[in-house]
Amino acid sequence: MALIFIRTTIIFVVLLLIMRLMGKSQIGEMQPFEFVISLVIAELACIPMADTSIPLLYGVIAIITIFILHQVVWFLELWFKPVKSVISGKPSVVINKNGVDEFQLKKNNLDVSDLIESMRVAGYFNLDDVYYGLYEANGSFSALEKEEKASTSLPLLLIDRGKPDNQNLGRCGFSGKVLEDFLKEQKAKIKDVVVMTVNGEGRIYFQKRGEYYKILQGEVNGQW
């Protein structure tokens, strides 16, 4: 028991030292390669802590090796910019002056609901609350916000890349013929709609594939 306590303490001290040497990004938003390194270090640390048949030095050497690899990658990223794009990726602009960029969403394995969730976490509740929105290489969402927010009512997502949300459509009274008539007015089929939202005031954000987004007004059953 005492041996395991001592081994764990030594590994803990080594890990703490290594993580401090790796810099602040390791304890904040991590780049992809840093996330992988953190997972590997965690696995390497567990084995010598619990298994007394494995020499403690093996675990320490493995952790230090990972640290050296981290420093090599950091050096390559610092001096060779193309390497940084390959290893860590680059920001993706998912909202621009035309509206939601469907290609960038697909490229990052996201849909509109994922984008809206990220925006809410960042404090934006309408797709047109920002001029530009982007996902950084570490996965965090950043935006260039507009001076005035669009409204004070929470929007519901009705269509997400051609797929209707029947629950939200029914909740605001846009199901069935109402939606059909609306799409006819916009000369669009549901499969051609990148995104459609509506808030409690009837304010509609509508974007057809390949076109600039529109802000329209409609009638809803109530507010939420």
C-alpha atoms as a PDB file:
ATOM      1  CA  MET A   1       0.000   0.000   0.000  1.00  0.00           C
ATOM      2  CA  ALA A   2       2.772   2.426   0.969  1.00  0.00           C
ATOM      3  CA  LEU A   3       4.653   1.565  -2.241  1.00  0.00           C
ATOM      4  CA  ILE A   4       1.644   2.416  -4.424  1.00  0.00           C
ATOM      5  CA  PHE A   5       1.199   5.689  -2.492  1.00  0.00           C
ATOM      6  CA  ILE A   6       4.827   6.648  -3.139  1.00  0.00           C
ATOM      7  CA  ARG A   7       4.695   5.647  -6.839  1.00  0.00           C
ATOM      8  CA  THR A   8       1.470   7.613  -7.334  1.00  0.00           C
ATOM      9  CA  THR A   9       2.964  10.679  -5.649  1.00  0.00           C
ATOM     10  CA  ILE A  10       6.043  10.552  -7.881  1.00  0.00           C
ATOM     11  CA  ILE A  11       3.952  10.181 -11.062  1.00  0.00           C
ATOM     12  CA  PHE A  12       1.674  13.026  -9.915  1.00  0.00           C
ATOM     13  CA  VAL A  13       4.631  15.362  -9.392  1.00  0.00           C
ATOM     14  CA  VAL A  14       6.119  14.429 -12.791  1.00  0.00           C
ATOM     15  CA  LEU A  15       2.781  14.965 -14.537  1.00  0.00           C
ATOM     16  CA  LEU A  16       2.254  18.325 -12.845  1.00  0.00           C
ATOM     17  CA  LEU A  17       5.705  19.465 -13.914  1.00  0.00           C
ATOM     18  CA  ILE A  18       5.241  18.264 -17.505  1.00  0.00           C
ATOM     19  CA  MET A  19       1.808  19.901 -17.881  1.00  0.00           C
ATOM     20  CA  ARG A  20       3.193  23.189 -16.570  1.00  0.00           C
ATOM     21  CA  LEU A  21       6.065  23.009 -19.060  1.00  0.00           C
ATOM     22  CA  MET A  22       3.641  22.365 -21.922  1.00  0.00           C
ATOM     23  CA  GLY A  23       2.003  25.759 -21.395  1.00  0.00           C
ATOM     24  CA  LYS A  24      -1.389  27.231 -20.689  1.00  0.00           C
ATOM     25  CA  SER A  25      -3.132  25.741 -23.729  1.00  0.00           C
ATOM     26  CA  GLN A  26      -2.930  22.315 -22.115  1.00  0.00           C
ATOM     27  CA  ILE A  27      -5.211  23.446 -19.271  1.00  0.00           C
ATOM     28  CA  GLY A  28      -7.482  25.556 -21.483  1.00  0.00           C
ATOM     29  CA  GLU A  29      -8.793  25.029 -25.007  1.00  0.00           C
ATOM     30  CA  MET A  30      -6.585  22.343 -26.540  1.00  0.00           C
ATOM     31  CA  GLN A  31      -5.474  21.819 -30.102  1.00  0.00           C
ATOM     32  CA  PRO A  32      -6.174  18.323 -31.522  1.00  0.00           C
ATOM     33  CA  PHE A  33      -2.608  17.055 -31.080  1.00  0.00           C
ATOM     34  CA  GLU A  34      -2.546  18.394 -27.510  1.00  0.00           C
ATOM     35  CA  PHE A  35      -5.758  16.537 -26.726  1.00  0.00           C
ATOM     36  CA  VAL A  36      -4.202  13.313 -28.040  1.00  0.00           C
ATOM     37  CA  ILE A  37      -1.079  13.915 -25.945  1.00  0.00           C
ATOM     38  CA  SER A  38      -3.191  14.466 -22.824  1.00  0.00           C
ATOM     39  CA  LEU A  39      -5.004  11.164 -23.383  1.00  0.00           C
ATOM     40  CA  VAL A  40      -1.745   9.281 -23.935  1.00  0.00           C
ATOM     41  CA  ILE A  41      -0.113  10.819 -20.862  1.00  0.00           C
ATOM     42  CA  ALA A  42      -3.128   9.874 -18.723  1.00  0.00           C
ATOM     43  CA  GLU A  43      -2.882   6.258 -19.901  1.00  0.00           C
ATOM     44  CA  LEU A  44       0.882   6.124 -19.378  1.00  0.00           C
ATOM     45  CA  ALA A  45       0.539   7.523 -15.869  1.00  0.00           C
ATOM     46  CA  CYS A  46      -2.068   4.972 -14.745  1.00  0.00           C
ATOM     47  CA  ILE A  47      -0.028   1.862 -15.569  1.00  0.00           C
ATOM     48  CA  PRO A  48       3.061   2.387 -13.344  1.00  0.00           C
ATOM     49  CA  MET A  49       0.971   3.876 -10.530  1.00  0.00           C
ATOM     50  CA  ALA A  50      -1.073   0.714  -9.972  1.00  0.00           C
ATOM     51  CA  ASP A  51       1.171  -2.059 -11.327  1.00  0.00           C
ATOM     52  CA  THR A  52       4.193  -2.457  -9.061  1.00  0.00           C
ATOM     53  CA  SER A  53       5.698  -5.069 -11.381  1.00  0.00           C
ATOM     54  CA  ILE A  54       6.484  -2.319 -13.884  1.00  0.00           C
ATOM     55  CA  PRO A  55       9.551  -0.235 -13.014  1.00  0.00           C
ATOM     56  CA  LEU A  56       8.527   3.305 -12.159  1.00  0.00           C
ATOM     57  CA  LEU A  57      11.314   4.655 -14.339  1.00  0.00           C
ATOM     58  CA  TYR A  58       9.592   3.223 -17.433  1.00  0.00           C
ATOM     59  CA  GLY A  59       6.521   5.366 -16.815  1.00  0.00           C
ATOM     60  CA  VAL A  60       8.564   8.503 -16.152  1.00  0.00           C
ATOM     61  CA  ILE A  61      10.644   7.999 -19.322  1.00  0.00           C
ATOM     62  CA  ALA A  62       7.483   7.455 -21.408  1.00  0.00           C
ATOM     63  CA  ILE A  63       5.900  10.671 -20.075  1.00  0.00           C
ATOM     64  CA  ILE A  64       9.086  12.659 -20.716  1.00  0.00           C
ATOM     65  CA  THR A  65       9.189  11.219 -24.260  1.00  0.00           C
ATOM     66  CA  ILE A  66       5.676  12.489 -24.889  1.00  0.00           C
ATOM     67  CA  PHE A  67       6.758  15.902 -23.603  1.00  0.00           C
ATOM     68  CA  ILE A  68       9.696  15.923 -26.034  1.00  0.00           C
ATOM     69  CA  LEU A  69       7.362  15.019 -28.912  1.00  0.00           C
ATOM     70  CA  HIS A  70       5.064  17.853 -27.835  1.00  0.00           C
ATOM     71  CA  GLN A  71       7.972  20.307 -27.989  1.00  0.00           C
ATOM     72  CA  VAL A  72       8.993  19.018 -31.442  1.00  0.00           C
ATOM     73  CA  VAL A  73       5.461  19.506 -32.783  1.00  0.00           C
ATOM     74  CA  TRP A  74       5.270  22.953 -31.174  1.00  0.00           C
ATOM     75  CA  PHE A  75       8.572  23.926 -32.835  1.00  0.00           C
ATOM     76  CA  LEU A  76       7.371  22.706 -36.247  1.00  0.00           C
ATOM     77  CA  GLU A  77       4.128  24.644 -35.903  1.00  0.00           C
ATOM     78  CA  LEU A  78       6.016  27.780 -34.893  1.00  0.00           C
ATOM     79  CA  TRP A  79       8.450  27.794 -37.784  1.00  0.00           C
ATOM     80  CA  PHE A  80       6.568  26.010 -40.556  1.00  0.00           C
ATOM     81  CA  LYS A  81       3.036  27.403 -40.959  1.00  0.00           C
ATOM     82  CA  PRO A  82       1.782  24.687 -43.376  1.00  0.00           C
ATOM     83  CA  VAL A  83       2.599  22.099 -40.703  1.00  0.00           C
ATOM     84  CA  LYS A  84       0.367  23.917 -38.222  1.00  0.00           C
ATOM     85  CA  SER A  85      -2.593  23.747 -40.621  1.00  0.00           C
ATOM     86  CA  VAL A  86      -2.061  20.014 -41.113  1.00  0.00           C
ATOM     87  CA  ILE A  87      -1.615  19.156 -37.426  1.00  0.00           C
ATOM     88  CA  SER A  88      -3.966  21.591 -35.690  1.00  0.00           C
ATOM     89  CA  GLY A  89      -6.310  22.578 -38.522  1.00  0.00           C
ATOM     90  CA  LYS A  90      -7.492  26.117 -39.185  1.00  0.00           C
ATOM     91  CA  PRO A  91     -10.577  28.230 -38.382  1.00  0.00           C
ATOM     92  CA  SER A  92     -13.767  27.584 -40.363  1.00  0.00           C
ATOM     93  CA  VAL A  93     -16.080  30.496 -41.164  1.00  0.00           C
ATOM     94  CA  VAL A  94     -19.569  29.014 -40.798  1.00  0.00           C
ATOM     95  CA  ILE A  95     -21.544  32.289 -40.929  1.00  0.00           C
ATOM     96  CA  ASN A  96     -20.715  35.006 -43.445  1.00  0.00           C
ATOM     97  CA  LYS A  97     -22.497  37.932 -45.123  1.00  0.00           C
ATOM     98  CA  ASN A  98     -24.611  35.487 -47.137  1.00  0.00           C
ATOM     99  CA  GLY A  99     -25.772  33.521 -44.100  1.00  0.00           C
ATOM    100  CA  VAL A 100     -24.926  29.994 -42.970  1.00  0.00           C
ATOM    101  CA  ASP A 101     -22.143  28.300 -44.943  1.00  0.00           C
ATOM    102  CA  GLU A 102     -23.449  24.774 -45.439  1.00  0.00           C
ATOM    103  CA  PHE A 103     -20.188  23.542 -46.975  1.00  0.00           C
ATOM    104  CA  GLN A 104     -18.166  24.526 -43.908  1.00  0.00           C
ATOM    105  CA  LEU A 105     -20.717  22.850 -41.634  1.00  0.00           C
ATOM    106  CA  LYS A 106     -20.444  19.598 -43.598  1.00  0.00           C
ATOM    107  CA  LYS A 107     -16.657  19.863 -43.601  1.00  0.00           C
ATOM    108  CA  ASN A 108     -16.669  19.984 -39.804  1.00  0.00           C
ATOM    109  CA  ASN A 109     -19.351  17.276 -39.385  1.00  0.00           C
ATOM    110  CA  LEU A 110     -21.856  19.782 -37.974  1.00  0.00           C
ATOM    111  CA  ASP A 111     -25.455  20.657 -38.662  1.00  0.00           C
ATOM    112  CA  VAL A 112     -27.353  23.892 -38.058  1.00  0.00           C
ATOM    113  CA  SER A 113     -28.579  22.768 -34.635  1.00  0.00           C
ATOM    114  CA  ASP A 114     -24.936  22.316 -33.538  1.00  0.00           C
ATOM    115  CA  LEU A 115     -24.172  25.828 -34.791  1.00  0.00           C
ATOM    116  CA  ILE A 116     -27.154  27.331 -32.979  1.00  0.00           C
ATOM    117  CA  GLU A 117     -26.157  25.565 -29.757  1.00  0.00           C
ATOM    118  CA  SER A 118     -22.606  26.958 -30.014  1.00  0.00           C
ATOM    119  CA  MET A 119     -24.017  30.424 -30.641  1.00  0.00           C
ATOM    120  CA  ARG A 120     -26.258  30.235 -27.572  1.00  0.00           C
ATOM    121  CA  VAL A 121     -23.298  29.229 -25.419  1.00  0.00           C
ATOM    122  CA  ALA A 122     -21.462  32.299 -26.768  1.00  0.00           C
ATOM    123  CA  GLY A 123     -24.464  34.546 -26.018  1.00  0.00           C
ATOM    124  CA  TYR A 124     -26.064  34.833 -29.487  1.00  0.00           C
ATOM    125  CA  PHE A 125     -29.601  33.567 -29.978  1.00  0.00           C
ATOM    126  CA  ASN A 126     -30.318  34.569 -33.592  1.00  0.00           C
ATOM    127  CA  LEU A 127     -28.332  33.534 -36.647  1.00  0.00           C
ATOM    128  CA  ASP A 128     -28.224  37.139 -37.812  1.00  0.00           C
ATOM    129  CA  ASP A 129     -26.931  38.493 -34.501  1.00  0.00           C
ATOM    130  CA  VAL A 130     -23.428  38.263 -35.986  1.00  0.00           C
ATOM    131  CA  TYR A 131     -21.729  39.418 -39.166  1.00  0.00           C
ATOM    132  CA  TYR A 132     -19.351  36.489 -39.105  1.00  0.00           C
ATOM    133  CA  GLY A 133     -19.180  33.321 -37.022  1.00  0.00           C
ATOM    134  CA  LEU A 134     -16.371  30.802 -37.003  1.00  0.00           C
ATOM    135  CA  TYR A 135     -15.120  27.704 -35.281  1.00  0.00           C
ATOM    136  CA  GLU A 136     -11.521  28.042 -34.177  1.00  0.00           C
ATOM    137  CA  ALA A 137      -9.026  25.213 -34.667  1.00  0.00           C
ATOM    138  CA  ASN A 138      -9.548  24.183 -31.024  1.00  0.00           C
ATOM    139  CA  GLY A 139     -13.328  23.885 -31.536  1.00  0.00           C
ATOM    140  CA  SER A 140     -14.393  27.066 -29.743  1.00  0.00           C
ATOM    141  CA  PHE A 141     -16.901  29.437 -31.374  1.00  0.00           C
ATOM    142  CA  SER A 142     -16.005  33.071 -32.103  1.00  0.00           C
ATOM    143  CA  ALA A 143     -18.069  35.800 -33.737  1.00  0.00           C
ATOM    144  CA  LEU A 144     -18.045  39.385 -34.966  1.00  0.00           C
ATOM    145  CA  GLU A 145     -21.311  40.551 -33.449  1.00  0.00           C
ATOM    146  CA  LYS A 146     -23.683  43.187 -34.769  1.00  0.00           C
ATOM    147  CA  GLU A 147     -24.289  46.358 -32.811  1.00  0.00           C
ATOM    148  CA  GLU A 148     -27.931  45.483 -32.159  1.00  0.00           C
ATOM    149  CA  LYS A 149     -29.383  42.045 -31.531  1.00  0.00           C
ATOM    150  CA  ALA A 150     -32.216  40.919 -33.798  1.00  0.00           C
ATOM    151  CA  SER A 151     -34.937  40.365 -31.167  1.00  0.00           C
ATOM    152  CA  THR A 152     -35.673  39.422 -27.592  1.00  0.00           C
ATOM    153  CA  SER A 153     -37.626  36.264 -28.433  1.00  0.00           C
ATOM    154  CA  LEU A 154     -36.047  32.814 -28.614  1.00  0.00           C
ATOM    155  CA  PRO A 155     -36.100  31.372 -32.175  1.00  0.00           C
ATOM    156  CA  LEU A 156     -37.085  27.785 -32.925  1.00  0.00           C
ATOM    157  CA  LEU A 157     -35.268  25.758 -35.564  1.00  0.00           C
ATOM    158  CA  LEU A 158     -37.841  24.568 -38.115  1.00  0.00           C
ATOM    159  CA  ILE A 159     -35.692  23.252 -40.972  1.00  0.00           C
ATOM    160  CA  ASP A 160     -32.105  22.072 -40.667  1.00  0.00           C
ATOM    161  CA  ARG A 161     -30.383  21.415 -44.032  1.00  0.00           C
ATOM    162  CA  GLY A 162     -33.528  20.131 -45.689  1.00  0.00           C
ATOM    163  CA  LYS A 163     -34.792  18.208 -42.658  1.00  0.00           C
ATOM    164  CA  PRO A 164     -37.915  19.533 -40.911  1.00  0.00           C
ATOM    165  CA  ASP A 165     -38.307  19.544 -37.134  1.00  0.00           C
ATOM    166  CA  ASN A 166     -41.933  18.438 -36.872  1.00  0.00           C
ATOM    167  CA  GLN A 167     -42.158  19.146 -33.161  1.00  0.00           C
ATOM    168  CA  ASN A 168     -41.080  22.769 -33.557  1.00  0.00           C
ATOM    169  CA  LEU A 169     -43.204  23.177 -36.686  1.00  0.00           C
ATOM    170  CA  GLY A 170     -46.279  22.055 -34.771  1.00  0.00           C
ATOM    171  CA  ARG A 171     -45.407  24.193 -31.761  1.00  0.00           C
ATOM    172  CA  CYS A 172     -45.436  27.443 -33.737  1.00  0.00           C
ATOM    173  CA  GLY A 173     -48.218  26.557 -36.170  1.00  0.00           C
ATOM    174  CA  PHE A 174     -46.060  26.091 -39.255  1.00  0.00           C
ATOM    175  CA  SER A 175     -46.854  22.447 -39.915  1.00  0.00           C
ATOM    176  CA  GLY A 176     -48.762  21.033 -42.863  1.00  0.00           C
ATOM    177  CA  LYS A 177     -50.291  23.385 -45.391  1.00  0.00           C
ATOM    178  CA  VAL A 178     -48.940  26.513 -43.715  1.00  0.00           C
ATOM    179  CA  LEU A 179     -45.366  25.405 -44.360  1.00  0.00           C
ATOM    180  CA  GLU A 180     -46.242  24.194 -47.841  1.00  0.00           C
ATOM    181  CA  ASP A 181     -47.753  27.569 -48.775  1.00  0.00           C
ATOM    182  CA  PHE A 182     -44.810  29.420 -47.278  1.00  0.00           C
ATOM    183  CA  LEU A 183     -42.301  27.393 -49.284  1.00  0.00           C
ATOM    184  CA  LYS A 184     -44.318  27.990 -52.467  1.00  0.00           C
ATOM    185  CA  GLU A 185     -44.121  31.724 -51.842  1.00  0.00           C
ATOM    186  CA  GLN A 186     -40.359  31.425 -51.530  1.00  0.00           C
ATOM    187  CA  LYS A 187     -40.186  29.180 -54.620  1.00  0.00           C
ATOM    188  CA  ALA A 188     -38.349  26.550 -52.643  1.00  0.00           C
ATOM    189  CA  LYS A 189     -38.665  22.878 -51.824  1.00  0.00           C
ATOM    190  CA  ILE A 190     -37.970  21.759 -48.289  1.00  0.00           C
ATOM    191  CA  LYS A 191     -34.849  19.838 -49.398  1.00  0.00           C
ATOM    192  CA  ASP A 192     -33.428  23.110 -50.776  1.00  0.00           C
ATOM    193  CA  VAL A 193     -33.677  24.966 -47.452  1.00  0.00           C
ATOM    194  CA  VAL A 194     -30.415  25.286 -45.538  1.00  0.00           C
ATOM    195  CA  VAL A 195     -32.049  26.737 -42.447  1.00  0.00           C
ATOM    196  CA  MET A 196     -35.347  28.193 -41.310  1.00  0.00           C
ATOM    197  CA  THR A 197     -36.074  29.560 -37.843  1.00  0.00           C
ATOM    198  CA  VAL A 198     -38.939  31.535 -36.368  1.00  0.00           C
ATOM    199  CA  ASN A 199     -39.266  33.333 -33.052  1.00  0.00           C
ATOM    200  CA  GLY A 200     -42.265  34.159 -30.882  1.00  0.00           C
ATOM    201  CA  GLU A 201     -42.797  37.438 -32.710  1.00  0.00           C
ATOM    202  CA  GLY A 202     -43.107  35.703 -36.077  1.00  0.00           C
ATOM    203  CA  ARG A 203     -39.677  36.817 -37.266  1.00  0.00           C
ATOM    204  CA  ILE A 204     -38.415  34.256 -39.784  1.00  0.00           C
ATOM    205  CA  TYR A 205     -34.807  33.592 -40.743  1.00  0.00           C
ATOM    206  CA  PHE A 206     -34.915  31.779 -44.086  1.00  0.00           C
ATOM    207  CA  GLN A 207     -32.019  30.657 -46.257  1.00  0.00           C
ATOM    208  CA  LYS A 208     -32.350  28.719 -49.462  1.00  0.00           C
ATOM    209  CA  ARG A 209     -29.348  26.759 -50.725  1.00  0.00           C
ATOM    210  CA  GLY A 210     -27.138  28.971 -52.912  1.00  0.00           C
ATOM    211  CA  GLU A 211     -28.937  32.196 -51.952  1.00  0.00           C
ATOM    212  CA  TYR A 212     -28.547  35.050 -49.472  1.00  0.00           C
ATOM    213  CA  TYR A 213     -30.563  34.645 -46.279  1.00  0.00           C
ATOM    214  CA  LYS A 214     -33.869  36.513 -45.829  1.00  0.00           C
ATOM    215  CA  ILE A 215     -35.616  37.984 -42.819  1.00  0.00           C
ATOM    216  CA  LEU A 216     -39.378  37.596 -43.222  1.00  0.00           C
ATOM    217  CA  GLN A 217     -42.470  38.032 -41.102  1.00  0.00           C
ATOM    218  CA  GLY A 218     -45.062  35.360 -40.456  1.00  0.00           C
ATOM    219  CA  GLU A 219     -47.796  34.414 -38.013  1.00  0.00           C
ATOM    220  CA  VAL A 220     -47.196  32.040 -35.124  1.00  0.00           C
ATOM    221  CA  ASN A 221     -49.491  30.401 -32.590  1.00  0.00           C
ATOM    222  CA  GLY A 222     -47.887  32.002 -29.578  1.00  0.00           C
ATOM    223  CA  GLN A 223     -44.709  33.004 -27.834  1.00  0.00           C
ATOM    224  CA  TRP A 224     -42.192  30.844 -25.965  1.00  0.00           C
END
